[in-house]
Amino acid sequence: MQVRVEAASGNPGIAMPGGPIAGPAAWYGRDLENSTAWIHQISTQELEELDAALDAVKAGNLDIAEIRRADFALPTFGKTLDALRGDVLRGRGFVLLRGLPMDRYTFEEAAILYWGVGCYFGSAVPQNAKGHLLGHVIDLGRDPQDTSARIYQTTARQTYHVDTCDIVSLLCVQKAKSGGLSSLVSAVTIFNEMAKRRPDLAAVLFDTFDADRRDEVPPGRNPYYSAPVFSWHDGLLTTQFVRRYIESARRFSDLDPLTDVQIEAMDLFEKLADELCLFMDFEPGDMQFVHNHQILHDRTEFEDFPDKKRHLLRLWLCPPDGRPLPPSFEDKYNGDIEIGNRGGMYIDGATLHAPLEPV
């Protein structure tokens, strides 16, 4: 069931769920804290298949960015990964693969293995204006307040957000000395709680918000994009939220200041995210896969070791069987929301590649 409301902006006929949303996506962090249902422990047989696939790729002398699913054969494990992709896209919204023994691989070999597993979740899309298909989440000493910097290049807390892709994934290469916990929260559960406590504020988030592109602007687009936080489309709640970018977009003179009610709605959204989330402490070799359209992710502030830095590899992935996105997402997705062919940042002059060094 759905209802239609008139937004504060005057935009008529915005669709909203007519009641709480049920199903596996409506989870509470407290219920998953002591559960291992969201963890897949990689078995000895699965490791043997990974090693065989790695050997085949190395024998073929393929560049990482050239590797496709057909190049990385996993006869049995591949079927398991397909099922886990289904859990990510149509179930709980995330999974953690655990047990890749990082100490027996070179850095390049670990990156190839990670990329190969990622191929079973989707095709890699570029994560920034440099065309990086393989990202490095590491402190580069950037200032979190710099509007051209990305928060993953700092040690600061990220705050809850989503990325411009269907699935975002991380591989832990090196843990921090302290902090750096990963945190996930269900957007469905946030909506259910907002609708129960403050339905007026929940309704505000179905209207359009402008968000900063942080100087990574596709051809023909504004330096900011416009999209609602919540969208009810095809019977699914789809969410996009990066408050830091919503606020920094006010640097553009053609945008109005945020209203008091918009700020109040975002305050409640973030308060609930902090209440409802699930924390996880990555171990080297952990691979996390998260559905961006129903899960928001965060990272706590961290401190590095004196001689080595916290280092994660990242993939933005476009699966062949993703959900339909509402037309209101076209601006954020550069005009293309076709299933299996969307997401990423395509900037003029950028060459798509998978760097093995943080740059």
Protein backbone atom coordinates (compact mmCIF):
# COMPACT_ATOMS: atom_id res chain seq x y z
CA MET A 1 0.00 0.00 0.00
CA GLN A 2 1.15 3.54 -0.66
CA VAL A 3 -0.09 7.06 -0.02
CA ARG A 4 0.61 10.31 -1.82
CA VAL A 5 1.54 13.54 -0.11
CA GLU A 6 2.29 17.07 -1.23
CA ALA A 7 5.84 18.05 -0.38
CA ALA A 8 6.82 21.25 1.40
CA SER A 9 8.35 22.42 -1.89
CA GLY A 10 4.94 22.20 -3.51
CA ASN A 11 5.90 19.10 -5.48
CA PRO A 12 2.59 17.22 -5.63
CA GLY A 13 1.89 13.52 -5.59
CA ILE A 14 5.00 12.15 -3.86
CA ALA A 15 4.50 8.43 -3.19
CA MET A 16 5.17 7.04 0.29
CA PRO A 17 4.65 3.64 1.90
CA GLY A 18 1.28 3.48 3.59
CA GLY A 19 2.65 1.65 6.61
CA PRO A 20 5.75 -0.04 8.02
CA ILE A 21 7.89 -2.00 5.56
CA ALA A 22 8.38 -5.66 6.45
CA GLY A 23 10.90 -8.22 5.28
CA PRO A 24 14.57 -9.17 5.77
CA ALA A 25 15.75 -5.63 4.93
CA ALA A 26 14.03 -4.27 8.06
CA TRP A 27 16.67 -5.41 10.55
CA TYR A 28 17.92 -3.91 13.82
CA GLY A 29 21.61 -3.86 14.66
CA ARG A 30 20.99 -5.15 18.18
CA ASP A 31 19.43 -8.32 16.73
CA LEU A 32 22.47 -9.07 14.55
CA GLU A 33 25.26 -8.28 17.05
CA ASN A 34 25.56 -11.88 18.24
CA SER A 35 24.56 -13.49 14.96
CA THR A 36 26.87 -14.97 12.33
CA ALA A 37 24.11 -15.26 9.71
CA TRP A 38 25.65 -12.36 7.80
CA ILE A 39 29.16 -13.90 7.76
CA HIS A 40 30.28 -16.46 5.17
CA GLN A 41 33.41 -18.28 6.26
CA ILE A 42 35.46 -19.18 3.19
CA SER A 43 36.05 -22.94 3.20
CA THR A 44 39.17 -24.90 2.29
CA GLN A 45 37.54 -26.05 -0.96
CA GLU A 46 36.55 -22.48 -1.81
CA LEU A 47 40.13 -21.32 -1.19
CA GLU A 48 41.38 -24.02 -3.54
CA GLU A 49 39.04 -22.72 -6.25
CA LEU A 50 40.22 -19.15 -5.62
CA ASP A 51 43.85 -20.23 -5.93
CA ALA A 52 43.14 -22.07 -9.19
CA ALA A 53 41.37 -19.01 -10.60
CA LEU A 54 44.28 -16.80 -9.50
CA ASP A 55 46.76 -19.10 -11.26
CA ALA A 56 44.68 -18.98 -14.46
CA VAL A 57 44.56 -15.19 -14.45
CA LYS A 58 48.32 -14.93 -13.85
CA ALA A 59 49.01 -17.45 -16.63
CA GLY A 60 46.90 -15.34 -18.98
CA ASN A 61 48.84 -12.21 -17.98
CA LEU A 62 45.60 -10.25 -17.60
CA ASP A 63 45.57 -6.75 -16.15
CA ILE A 64 43.23 -6.54 -13.17
CA ALA A 65 40.87 -4.17 -14.96
CA GLU A 66 40.55 -6.69 -17.82
CA ILE A 67 39.40 -9.59 -15.63
CA ARG A 68 35.79 -10.67 -16.12
CA ARG A 69 33.73 -13.37 -14.45
CA ALA A 70 34.45 -15.75 -17.34
CA ASP A 71 38.18 -15.34 -16.67
CA PHE A 72 37.82 -16.20 -12.99
CA ALA A 73 36.15 -19.61 -12.90
CA LEU A 74 34.79 -20.72 -9.52
CA PRO A 75 32.85 -23.93 -10.34
CA THR A 76 31.26 -24.41 -6.90
CA PHE A 77 32.06 -21.22 -4.99
CA GLY A 78 30.58 -19.16 -7.83
CA LYS A 79 27.12 -20.60 -7.15
CA THR A 80 27.48 -19.66 -3.50
CA LEU A 81 28.52 -16.13 -4.44
CA ASP A 82 25.49 -15.83 -6.73
CA ALA A 83 23.25 -16.77 -3.79
CA LEU A 84 25.03 -14.27 -1.54
CA ARG A 85 24.52 -11.57 -4.19
CA GLY A 86 20.81 -12.37 -3.95
CA ASP A 87 20.96 -11.85 -0.17
CA VAL A 88 22.65 -8.49 -0.74
CA LEU A 89 20.19 -7.26 -3.39
CA ARG A 90 16.92 -8.77 -2.18
CA GLY A 91 17.48 -9.78 1.42
CA ARG A 92 19.38 -8.38 4.39
CA GLY A 93 21.38 -6.06 2.16
CA PHE A 94 24.93 -7.03 3.10
CA VAL A 95 27.32 -9.94 3.61
CA LEU A 96 30.84 -10.36 5.00
CA LEU A 97 33.16 -12.96 3.47
CA ARG A 98 35.81 -14.00 6.00
CA GLY A 99 38.90 -16.16 5.80
CA LEU A 100 41.05 -14.97 2.91
CA PRO A 101 44.59 -15.66 4.24
CA MET A 102 46.30 -12.41 3.29
CA ASP A 103 49.71 -13.51 4.55
CA ARG A 104 50.06 -16.12 1.80
CA TYR A 105 49.49 -13.69 -1.08
CA THR A 106 51.34 -10.71 -2.46
CA PHE A 107 49.41 -7.46 -2.46
CA GLU A 108 48.76 -7.79 -6.21
CA GLU A 109 47.54 -11.38 -5.80
CA ALA A 110 45.15 -10.33 -3.02
CA ALA A 111 43.83 -7.54 -5.24
CA ILE A 112 43.27 -10.01 -8.10
CA LEU A 113 41.41 -12.41 -5.79
CA TYR A 114 39.25 -9.59 -4.47
CA TRP A 115 38.49 -8.33 -7.97
CA GLY A 116 37.64 -11.87 -9.10
CA VAL A 117 35.17 -12.39 -6.26
CA GLY A 118 33.73 -8.96 -7.02
CA CYS A 119 32.99 -10.07 -10.59
CA TYR A 120 30.35 -12.42 -9.14
CA PHE A 121 28.57 -9.44 -7.57
CA GLY A 122 28.75 -7.07 -10.56
CA SER A 123 30.88 -5.12 -13.01
CA ALA A 124 33.27 -2.53 -11.59
CA VAL A 125 32.46 1.14 -12.26
CA PRO A 126 34.75 4.16 -11.69
CA GLN A 127 34.81 5.62 -8.18
CA ASN A 128 36.26 9.06 -8.88
CA ALA A 129 37.25 11.58 -11.52
CA LYS A 130 40.55 9.73 -12.09
CA GLY A 131 38.75 6.66 -13.43
CA HIS A 132 39.77 4.35 -10.59
CA LEU A 133 37.99 1.00 -10.80
CA LEU A 134 39.91 -0.27 -7.77
CA GLY A 135 39.87 2.20 -4.91
CA HIS A 136 42.15 2.63 -1.91
CA VAL A 137 40.58 3.68 1.38
CA ILE A 138 43.56 5.10 3.25
CA ASP A 139 44.54 8.31 5.00
CA LEU A 140 46.23 10.64 2.53
CA GLY A 141 46.33 13.54 4.95
CA ARG A 142 43.45 15.38 3.31
CA ASP A 143 41.36 17.96 5.21
CA PRO A 144 37.79 16.70 5.83
CA GLN A 145 36.54 20.28 5.31
CA ASP A 146 38.14 20.57 1.87
CA THR A 147 35.28 20.48 -0.65
CA SER A 148 37.53 18.75 -3.20
CA ALA A 149 38.56 16.00 -0.75
CA ARG A 150 36.80 12.72 -0.07
CA ILE A 151 36.34 11.70 3.54
CA TYR A 152 37.85 8.23 2.93
CA GLN A 153 41.19 10.01 2.34
CA THR A 154 41.25 11.10 6.00
CA THR A 155 41.15 9.50 9.47
CA ALA A 156 37.85 11.23 10.34
CA ARG A 157 34.53 9.54 10.92
CA GLN A 158 32.64 9.28 7.64
CA THR A 159 29.03 9.60 8.95
CA TYR A 160 26.25 7.52 7.39
CA HIS A 161 26.02 7.73 3.62
CA VAL A 162 25.62 5.83 0.37
CA ASP A 163 27.75 5.86 -2.79
CA THR A 164 26.88 6.28 -6.47
CA CYS A 165 26.56 2.60 -7.32
CA ASP A 166 24.40 -0.44 -6.60
CA ILE A 167 26.89 -2.38 -4.46
CA VAL A 168 29.90 -1.04 -2.58
CA SER A 169 32.53 -3.49 -1.39
CA LEU A 170 35.63 -3.38 0.81
CA LEU A 171 38.59 -5.70 1.38
CA CYS A 172 40.56 -5.20 4.58
CA VAL A 173 44.30 -5.24 3.87
CA GLN A 174 45.53 -3.61 7.09
CA LYS A 175 43.63 -2.73 10.28
CA ALA A 176 44.06 0.52 12.16
CA LYS A 177 45.89 0.72 15.48
CA SER A 178 42.56 1.77 17.01
CA GLY A 179 39.12 2.71 15.73
CA GLY A 180 38.09 2.39 12.10
CA LEU A 181 35.10 0.17 12.83
CA SER A 182 32.71 -0.38 9.95
CA SER A 183 29.08 0.41 10.67
CA LEU A 184 25.96 -0.44 8.67
CA VAL A 185 22.33 0.55 9.16
CA SER A 186 19.11 -0.41 7.39
CA ALA A 187 17.44 2.53 5.64
CA VAL A 188 14.20 0.56 5.77
CA THR A 189 14.37 0.38 9.55
CA ILE A 190 15.23 4.09 9.76
CA PHE A 191 12.13 4.88 7.68
CA ASN A 192 9.91 2.61 9.80
CA GLU A 193 11.07 4.29 12.99
CA MET A 194 10.76 7.81 11.54
CA ALA A 195 7.26 7.06 10.28
CA LYS A 196 6.31 5.80 13.74
CA ARG A 197 7.86 8.66 15.72
CA ARG A 198 7.62 11.64 13.36
CA PRO A 199 5.71 10.89 10.15
CA ASP A 200 5.83 14.59 9.24
CA LEU A 201 9.64 14.49 9.16
CA ALA A 202 9.69 11.18 7.28
CA ALA A 203 7.58 12.85 4.58
CA VAL A 204 10.12 15.68 4.24
CA LEU A 205 12.80 13.21 3.12
CA PHE A 206 10.73 12.13 0.10
CA ASP A 207 11.22 15.58 -1.40
CA THR A 208 14.30 16.63 -3.38
CA PHE A 209 17.63 17.52 -1.73
CA ASP A 210 20.61 19.01 -3.57
CA ALA A 211 24.02 17.42 -2.91
CA ASP A 212 27.55 18.54 -3.81
CA ARG A 213 29.43 16.53 -6.46
CA ARG A 214 32.67 17.65 -4.74
CA ASP A 215 34.22 18.96 -7.97
CA GLU A 216 33.73 15.62 -9.78
CA VAL A 217 31.24 16.87 -12.37
CA PRO A 218 30.13 14.76 -15.37
CA PRO A 219 29.80 16.56 -18.72
CA GLY A 220 26.70 18.72 -19.01
CA ARG A 221 25.75 18.45 -15.32
CA ASN A 222 25.52 20.96 -12.49
CA PRO A 223 28.23 20.82 -9.79
CA TYR A 224 25.51 19.34 -7.56
CA TYR A 225 22.84 16.71 -8.13
CA SER A 226 19.23 16.68 -6.96
CA ALA A 227 17.51 13.59 -5.56
CA PRO A 228 15.22 12.67 -2.66
CA VAL A 229 16.60 10.90 0.41
CA PHE A 230 13.72 8.39 0.38
CA SER A 231 11.98 7.14 -2.77
CA TRP A 232 9.10 4.64 -2.93
CA HIS A 233 9.26 3.00 -6.35
CA ASP A 234 8.08 -0.38 -7.64
CA GLY A 235 7.17 -1.41 -4.10
CA LEU A 236 10.68 -0.77 -2.78
CA LEU A 237 12.19 1.93 -0.58
CA THR A 238 15.34 3.27 -2.22
CA THR A 239 17.55 5.64 -0.25
CA GLN A 240 20.37 8.08 -1.00
CA PHE A 241 21.89 10.24 1.72
CA VAL A 242 25.21 12.05 2.13
CA ARG A 243 24.55 14.85 4.59
CA ARG A 244 28.07 16.25 4.35
CA TYR A 245 27.50 16.81 0.62
CA ILE A 246 23.97 18.16 1.08
CA GLU A 247 25.38 20.78 3.43
CA SER A 248 28.45 21.63 1.34
CA ALA A 249 26.24 22.17 -1.73
CA ARG A 250 25.08 25.41 -0.09
CA ARG A 251 28.37 26.90 -1.33
CA PHE A 252 26.64 27.33 -4.70
CA SER A 253 24.86 30.67 -4.87
CA ASP A 254 21.92 29.38 -6.91
CA LEU A 255 20.83 27.03 -4.11
CA ASP A 256 18.61 28.12 -1.23
CA PRO A 257 19.69 27.51 2.37
CA LEU A 258 18.38 24.36 3.99
CA THR A 259 15.10 24.92 5.82
CA ASP A 260 14.64 24.29 9.54
CA VAL A 261 12.38 21.33 8.83
CA GLN A 262 14.91 19.77 6.42
CA ILE A 263 17.61 20.08 9.07
CA GLU A 264 15.29 18.60 11.71
CA ALA A 265 14.48 15.68 9.43
CA MET A 266 18.16 14.96 8.74
CA ASP A 267 18.95 15.26 12.45
CA LEU A 268 16.38 12.59 13.27
CA PHE A 269 17.58 10.40 10.39
CA GLU A 270 21.16 10.48 11.74
CA LYS A 271 20.05 10.01 15.35
CA LEU A 272 18.16 6.88 14.35
CA ALA A 273 21.10 5.63 12.29
CA ASP A 274 23.29 5.81 15.40
CA GLU A 275 20.65 3.95 17.42
CA LEU A 276 19.88 1.18 14.92
CA CYS A 277 23.27 0.34 13.43
CA LEU A 278 25.49 -2.73 13.47
CA PHE A 279 29.24 -2.35 14.08
CA MET A 280 31.82 -4.78 12.74
CA ASP A 281 35.58 -4.87 13.22
CA PHE A 282 37.32 -5.85 9.99
CA GLU A 283 40.09 -8.44 10.06
CA PRO A 284 42.65 -8.62 7.24
CA GLY A 285 41.09 -10.67 4.44
CA ASP A 286 37.49 -9.70 5.25
CA MET A 287 35.41 -8.75 2.19
CA GLN A 288 32.22 -6.76 2.78
CA PHE A 289 29.50 -6.31 0.13
CA VAL A 290 26.73 -3.75 0.79
CA HIS A 291 23.59 -2.81 -1.15
CA ASN A 292 23.76 0.97 -1.41
CA HIS A 293 20.07 1.43 -2.09
CA GLN A 294 18.92 -0.04 1.23
CA ILE A 295 21.96 0.15 3.53
CA LEU A 296 23.96 3.17 4.69
CA HIS A 297 27.56 2.73 5.78
CA ASP A 298 29.84 4.62 8.12
CA ARG A 299 33.30 4.31 9.65
CA THR A 300 34.49 5.45 13.03
CA GLU A 301 37.47 7.76 13.42
CA PHE A 302 40.75 5.87 13.63
CA GLU A 303 44.45 6.10 14.54
CA ASP A 304 47.13 4.44 12.41
CA PHE A 305 50.20 2.54 13.57
CA PRO A 306 53.39 4.65 13.36
CA ASP A 307 54.82 2.46 10.58
CA LYS A 308 51.73 1.27 8.68
CA LYS A 309 48.37 2.67 7.71
CA ARG A 310 44.87 1.27 7.78
CA HIS A 311 44.28 0.19 4.20
CA LEU A 312 41.15 -1.12 2.50
CA LEU A 313 40.57 -1.84 -1.16
CA ARG A 314 37.19 -0.81 -2.55
CA LEU A 315 34.97 -1.75 -5.48
CA TRP A 316 31.85 -0.03 -6.81
CA LEU A 317 29.82 -2.70 -8.54
CA CYS A 318 26.90 -2.78 -10.97
CA PRO A 319 25.10 -6.16 -10.80
CA PRO A 320 23.13 -7.56 -13.75
CA ASP A 321 20.03 -8.07 -11.59
CA GLY A 322 19.75 -4.86 -9.56
CA ARG A 323 16.50 -3.18 -8.58
CA PRO A 324 14.64 -0.63 -10.72
CA LEU A 325 15.54 2.91 -9.68
CA PRO A 326 13.08 5.82 -9.69
CA PRO A 327 13.43 8.51 -12.38
CA SER A 328 14.37 10.97 -9.61
CA PHE A 329 17.78 9.24 -9.44
CA GLU A 330 18.71 10.07 -13.04
CA ASP A 331 20.52 13.29 -12.13
CA LYS A 332 22.72 11.56 -9.56
CA TYR A 333 23.40 8.71 -12.01
CA ASN A 334 24.27 11.02 -14.90
CA GLY A 335 21.03 10.33 -16.73
CA ASP A 336 21.33 6.53 -16.86
CA ILE A 337 19.51 4.26 -14.41
CA GLU A 338 19.29 1.19 -16.63
CA ILE A 339 19.72 -2.04 -14.66
CA GLY A 340 23.16 -3.52 -15.32
CA ASN A 341 24.48 -0.31 -16.87
CA ARG A 342 24.61 2.42 -14.26
CA GLY A 343 26.59 3.93 -11.44
CA GLY A 344 30.08 5.33 -11.15
CA MET A 345 31.67 8.66 -12.06
CA TYR A 346 32.43 9.14 -15.73
CA ILE A 347 34.43 12.31 -16.25
CA ASP A 348 35.85 13.57 -19.56
CA GLY A 349 39.49 12.67 -20.00
CA ALA A 350 39.57 9.93 -17.33
CA THR A 351 41.03 6.55 -18.30
CA LEU A 352 39.47 3.57 -16.53
CA HIS A 353 42.11 1.59 -14.65
CA ALA A 354 42.76 -0.36 -11.45
CA PRO A 355 45.77 1.19 -9.66
CA LEU A 356 47.67 -0.91 -7.14
CA GLU A 357 48.97 2.18 -5.33
CA PRO A 358 46.93 4.85 -3.49
CA VAL A 359 46.97 7.91 -5.75
